[in-house]
Amino acid sequence: MFRHVVMFKWADGVDADHVAAVADGLDNLAASIEQIKQYRHGPDVGLSDQNFDYVVVGDFDSSDDYVVYRDHPVHQEFIAELIAGRITERAAAQFEID
């Protein structure tokens, strides 16, 4: 298995309605892109000031399936419409899991 983790810090002005739209969009990705085996996401619970605001964890059968997801038009449209210009920081990592 192959895991992708991405975290965002929202830009000023991103409100709860937009975060809800992002959550809905992520749920749509999981339903639309068959290579996603498991998809979890949600806002940080606020226990530490240094944390990122939102995290997404996606599991795939292989790195090749991850690349299909990464480049998929539905994923790219989601990024363009709901993420681009609305974050101040992004961190990501991919790794193999058992």
N, C-alpha and C. Protein backbone atom coordinates (compact mmCIF):
# COMPACT_ATOMS: atom_id res chain seq x y z
N MET A 1 0.84 -1.18 0.00
CA MET A 1 0.00 0.00 0.00
C MET A 1 0.89 1.25 0.00
N PHE A 2 0.28 2.33 -0.45
CA PHE A 2 0.99 3.59 -0.62
C PHE A 2 0.14 4.68 0.01
N ARG A 3 0.73 5.50 0.87
CA ARG A 3 -0.03 6.54 1.57
C ARG A 3 0.47 7.93 1.17
N HIS A 4 -0.50 8.81 0.97
CA HIS A 4 -0.25 10.22 0.68
C HIS A 4 -0.86 11.05 1.80
N VAL A 5 -0.07 11.95 2.37
CA VAL A 5 -0.55 12.84 3.42
C VAL A 5 -0.27 14.27 2.98
N VAL A 6 -1.29 15.13 3.06
CA VAL A 6 -1.11 16.54 2.73
C VAL A 6 -1.79 17.39 3.80
N MET A 7 -1.14 18.50 4.17
CA MET A 7 -1.68 19.40 5.18
C MET A 7 -1.67 20.83 4.63
N PHE A 8 -2.69 21.59 5.04
CA PHE A 8 -2.84 22.98 4.60
C PHE A 8 -2.94 23.92 5.78
N LYS A 9 -2.45 25.12 5.59
CA LYS A 9 -2.78 26.26 6.46
C LYS A 9 -3.60 27.21 5.61
N TRP A 10 -4.80 27.52 6.10
CA TRP A 10 -5.71 28.38 5.34
C TRP A 10 -5.24 29.82 5.34
N ALA A 11 -5.51 30.51 4.26
CA ALA A 11 -5.26 31.95 4.16
C ALA A 11 -6.32 32.70 4.95
N ASP A 12 -6.00 33.93 5.30
CA ASP A 12 -6.99 34.78 5.96
C ASP A 12 -8.23 34.87 5.08
N GLY A 13 -9.38 34.84 5.71
CA GLY A 13 -10.63 34.96 4.98
C GLY A 13 -11.29 33.65 4.62
N VAL A 14 -10.57 32.54 4.76
CA VAL A 14 -11.20 31.23 4.51
C VAL A 14 -12.09 30.94 5.71
N ASP A 15 -13.40 30.80 5.43
CA ASP A 15 -14.35 30.62 6.51
C ASP A 15 -14.86 29.18 6.60
N ALA A 16 -15.72 28.94 7.58
CA ALA A 16 -16.25 27.59 7.82
C ALA A 16 -17.01 27.06 6.61
N ASP A 17 -17.69 27.93 5.88
CA ASP A 17 -18.41 27.49 4.69
C ASP A 17 -17.46 26.96 3.62
N HIS A 18 -16.33 27.64 3.47
CA HIS A 18 -15.36 27.16 2.47
C HIS A 18 -14.73 25.84 2.91
N VAL A 19 -14.42 25.72 4.19
CA VAL A 19 -13.86 24.47 4.69
C VAL A 19 -14.85 23.33 4.48
N ALA A 20 -16.14 23.59 4.69
CA ALA A 20 -17.17 22.58 4.43
C ALA A 20 -17.21 22.21 2.95
N ALA A 21 -17.04 23.20 2.07
CA ALA A 21 -17.01 22.92 0.64
C ALA A 21 -15.80 22.07 0.27
N VAL A 22 -14.66 22.33 0.92
CA VAL A 22 -13.47 21.51 0.70
C VAL A 22 -13.75 20.07 1.14
N ALA A 23 -14.35 19.89 2.30
CA ALA A 23 -14.67 18.55 2.79
C ALA A 23 -15.59 17.83 1.82
N ASP A 24 -16.61 18.52 1.33
CA ASP A 24 -17.51 17.91 0.34
C ASP A 24 -16.76 17.56 -0.94
N GLY A 25 -15.87 18.45 -1.37
CA GLY A 25 -15.08 18.19 -2.57
C GLY A 25 -14.17 16.98 -2.40
N LEU A 26 -13.58 16.85 -1.23
CA LEU A 26 -12.73 15.68 -0.97
C LEU A 26 -13.54 14.40 -0.97
N ASP A 27 -14.74 14.44 -0.39
CA ASP A 27 -15.61 13.26 -0.44
C ASP A 27 -15.95 12.91 -1.88
N ASN A 28 -16.16 13.91 -2.72
CA ASN A 28 -16.44 13.67 -4.13
C ASN A 28 -15.24 13.04 -4.83
N LEU A 29 -14.03 13.48 -4.48
CA LEU A 29 -12.84 12.85 -5.07
C LEU A 29 -12.81 11.37 -4.77
N ALA A 30 -13.07 11.02 -3.52
CA ALA A 30 -13.03 9.61 -3.12
C ALA A 30 -14.07 8.79 -3.87
N ALA A 31 -15.19 9.40 -4.18
CA ALA A 31 -16.24 8.70 -4.92
C ALA A 31 -15.97 8.68 -6.42
N SER A 32 -15.15 9.60 -6.92
CA SER A 32 -14.94 9.76 -8.36
C SER A 32 -13.69 9.10 -8.91
N ILE A 33 -12.70 8.89 -8.07
CA ILE A 33 -11.41 8.39 -8.53
C ILE A 33 -11.20 6.99 -7.95
N GLU A 34 -11.32 5.99 -8.79
CA GLU A 34 -11.31 4.61 -8.32
C GLU A 34 -9.99 4.17 -7.70
N GLN A 35 -8.90 4.86 -7.99
CA GLN A 35 -7.60 4.47 -7.44
C GLN A 35 -7.50 4.76 -5.93
N ILE A 36 -8.37 5.63 -5.42
CA ILE A 36 -8.37 5.91 -3.99
C ILE A 36 -8.98 4.72 -3.26
N LYS A 37 -8.20 4.08 -2.42
CA LYS A 37 -8.69 2.92 -1.66
C LYS A 37 -9.31 3.37 -0.35
N GLN A 38 -8.71 4.36 0.29
CA GLN A 38 -9.26 4.92 1.52
C GLN A 38 -8.86 6.38 1.58
N TYR A 39 -9.77 7.22 2.06
CA TYR A 39 -9.55 8.65 2.08
C TYR A 39 -10.10 9.19 3.39
N ARG A 40 -9.25 9.81 4.16
CA ARG A 40 -9.66 10.43 5.43
C ARG A 40 -9.19 11.87 5.41
N HIS A 41 -9.99 12.74 5.97
CA HIS A 41 -9.61 14.15 6.01
C HIS A 41 -10.40 14.87 7.10
N GLY A 42 -9.86 16.01 7.53
CA GLY A 42 -10.58 16.80 8.51
C GLY A 42 -9.74 17.94 9.03
N PRO A 43 -10.42 18.87 9.73
CA PRO A 43 -9.72 20.01 10.31
C PRO A 43 -8.95 19.60 11.57
N ASP A 44 -7.87 20.31 11.82
CA ASP A 44 -7.13 20.13 13.06
C ASP A 44 -8.03 20.48 14.24
N VAL A 45 -7.88 19.76 15.34
CA VAL A 45 -8.74 19.99 16.51
C VAL A 45 -8.25 21.14 17.39
N GLY A 46 -7.11 21.72 17.07
CA GLY A 46 -6.68 22.93 17.74
C GLY A 46 -5.96 22.75 19.07
N LEU A 47 -5.30 21.63 19.25
CA LEU A 47 -4.59 21.41 20.51
C LEU A 47 -3.23 22.10 20.56
N SER A 48 -2.66 22.42 19.41
CA SER A 48 -1.35 23.08 19.36
C SER A 48 -1.39 24.20 18.33
N ASP A 49 -0.86 25.35 18.73
CA ASP A 49 -0.89 26.53 17.85
C ASP A 49 -0.09 26.35 16.57
N GLN A 50 0.93 25.50 16.57
CA GLN A 50 1.81 25.35 15.42
C GLN A 50 1.26 24.42 14.34
N ASN A 51 0.17 23.73 14.62
CA ASN A 51 -0.35 22.74 13.68
C ASN A 51 -0.89 23.37 12.41
N PHE A 52 -0.96 22.56 11.38
CA PHE A 52 -1.65 22.94 10.16
C PHE A 52 -3.15 22.91 10.42
N ASP A 53 -3.93 23.52 9.54
CA ASP A 53 -5.37 23.66 9.75
C ASP A 53 -6.19 22.47 9.26
N TYR A 54 -5.70 21.76 8.24
CA TYR A 54 -6.49 20.69 7.63
C TYR A 54 -5.56 19.61 7.12
N VAL A 55 -5.98 18.36 7.22
CA VAL A 55 -5.15 17.24 6.76
C VAL A 55 -5.98 16.29 5.90
N VAL A 56 -5.31 15.72 4.91
CA VAL A 56 -5.89 14.70 4.04
C VAL A 56 -4.93 13.51 4.01
N VAL A 57 -5.48 12.31 4.21
CA VAL A 57 -4.69 11.08 4.14
C VAL A 57 -5.37 10.16 3.14
N GLY A 58 -4.63 9.81 2.08
CA GLY A 58 -5.17 8.92 1.06
C GLY A 58 -4.32 7.68 0.92
N ASP A 59 -4.98 6.54 0.81
CA ASP A 59 -4.29 5.27 0.61
C ASP A 59 -4.58 4.73 -0.78
N PHE A 60 -3.54 4.15 -1.39
CA PHE A 60 -3.60 3.64 -2.75
C PHE A 60 -2.91 2.28 -2.79
N ASP A 61 -3.25 1.47 -3.76
CA ASP A 61 -2.60 0.17 -3.89
C ASP A 61 -1.13 0.29 -4.26
N SER A 62 -0.77 1.36 -4.97
CA SER A 62 0.61 1.50 -5.46
C SER A 62 0.93 2.97 -5.71
N SER A 63 2.21 3.25 -5.89
CA SER A 63 2.61 4.61 -6.25
C SER A 63 2.06 4.99 -7.62
N ASP A 64 1.93 4.01 -8.52
CA ASP A 64 1.33 4.29 -9.83
C ASP A 64 -0.11 4.76 -9.68
N ASP A 65 -0.87 4.13 -8.79
CA ASP A 65 -2.25 4.57 -8.55
C ASP A 65 -2.28 5.97 -7.96
N TYR A 66 -1.34 6.28 -7.07
CA TYR A 66 -1.25 7.63 -6.53
C TYR A 66 -1.02 8.64 -7.65
N VAL A 67 -0.14 8.33 -8.59
CA VAL A 67 0.15 9.26 -9.69
C VAL A 67 -1.10 9.47 -10.54
N VAL A 68 -1.88 8.42 -10.79
CA VAL A 68 -3.13 8.57 -11.52
C VAL A 68 -4.04 9.56 -10.78
N TYR A 69 -4.18 9.39 -9.47
CA TYR A 69 -4.97 10.30 -8.63
C TYR A 69 -4.41 11.72 -8.70
N ARG A 70 -3.11 11.85 -8.50
CA ARG A 70 -2.46 13.17 -8.48
C ARG A 70 -2.76 13.96 -9.74
N ASP A 71 -2.72 13.27 -10.88
CA ASP A 71 -2.87 13.94 -12.17
C ASP A 71 -4.31 13.90 -12.70
N HIS A 72 -5.20 13.25 -12.00
CA HIS A 72 -6.57 13.07 -12.47
C HIS A 72 -7.26 14.43 -12.65
N PRO A 73 -8.01 14.62 -13.74
CA PRO A 73 -8.66 15.91 -14.00
C PRO A 73 -9.62 16.34 -12.89
N VAL A 74 -10.31 15.42 -12.26
CA VAL A 74 -11.22 15.78 -11.17
C VAL A 74 -10.42 16.32 -9.98
N HIS A 75 -9.29 15.71 -9.69
CA HIS A 75 -8.42 16.18 -8.60
C HIS A 75 -7.85 17.55 -8.95
N GLN A 76 -7.37 17.71 -10.17
CA GLN A 76 -6.81 19.00 -10.59
C GLN A 76 -7.85 20.11 -10.56
N GLU A 77 -9.07 19.81 -10.94
CA GLU A 77 -10.16 20.79 -10.89
C GLU A 77 -10.47 21.18 -9.43
N PHE A 78 -10.50 20.19 -8.55
CA PHE A 78 -10.71 20.45 -7.12
C PHE A 78 -9.65 21.43 -6.60
N ILE A 79 -8.39 21.17 -6.91
CA ILE A 79 -7.30 22.04 -6.45
C ILE A 79 -7.49 23.46 -6.99
N ALA A 80 -7.78 23.57 -8.27
CA ALA A 80 -7.93 24.89 -8.90
C ALA A 80 -9.10 25.67 -8.29
N GLU A 81 -10.20 24.99 -8.01
CA GLU A 81 -11.40 25.68 -7.54
C GLU A 81 -11.44 25.92 -6.04
N LEU A 82 -10.85 25.04 -5.25
CA LEU A 82 -11.05 25.13 -3.80
C LEU A 82 -9.79 25.30 -2.97
N ILE A 83 -8.63 25.04 -3.55
CA ILE A 83 -7.39 25.11 -2.77
C ILE A 83 -6.49 26.26 -3.23
N ALA A 84 -6.25 26.36 -4.52
CA ALA A 84 -5.34 27.38 -5.05
C ALA A 84 -5.77 28.78 -4.61
N GLY A 85 -4.81 29.52 -4.08
CA GLY A 85 -5.08 30.89 -3.64
C GLY A 85 -5.75 30.99 -2.28
N ARG A 86 -6.02 29.85 -1.64
CA ARG A 86 -6.71 29.86 -0.35
C ARG A 86 -5.87 29.26 0.78
N ILE A 87 -4.61 28.96 0.48
CA ILE A 87 -3.72 28.44 1.52
C ILE A 87 -2.45 29.29 1.58
N THR A 88 -1.85 29.29 2.77
CA THR A 88 -0.58 29.98 2.92
C THR A 88 0.59 29.01 2.98
N GLU A 89 0.29 27.76 3.37
CA GLU A 89 1.33 26.72 3.42
C GLU A 89 0.71 25.38 3.07
N ARG A 90 1.56 24.53 2.51
CA ARG A 90 1.17 23.15 2.19
C ARG A 90 2.37 22.27 2.50
N ALA A 91 2.11 21.15 3.11
CA ALA A 91 3.16 20.15 3.34
C ALA A 91 2.60 18.81 2.91
N ALA A 92 3.44 17.98 2.30
CA ALA A 92 2.98 16.68 1.84
C ALA A 92 4.12 15.66 1.93
N ALA A 93 3.72 14.42 2.05
CA ALA A 93 4.68 13.30 2.02
C ALA A 93 3.93 12.07 1.54
N GLN A 94 4.69 11.19 0.90
CA GLN A 94 4.15 9.89 0.49
C GLN A 94 5.10 8.83 1.01
N PHE A 95 4.51 7.68 1.41
CA PHE A 95 5.34 6.60 1.91
C PHE A 95 4.61 5.26 1.77
N GLU A 96 5.40 4.20 1.79
CA GLU A 96 4.87 2.85 1.70
C GLU A 96 4.36 2.41 3.07
N ILE A 97 3.24 1.68 3.08
CA ILE A 97 2.70 1.11 4.32
C ILE A 97 2.40 -0.35 4.11
N ASP A 98 2.29 -1.09 5.21
CA ASP A 98 1.94 -2.52 5.11
C ASP A 98 0.45 -2.70 5.00
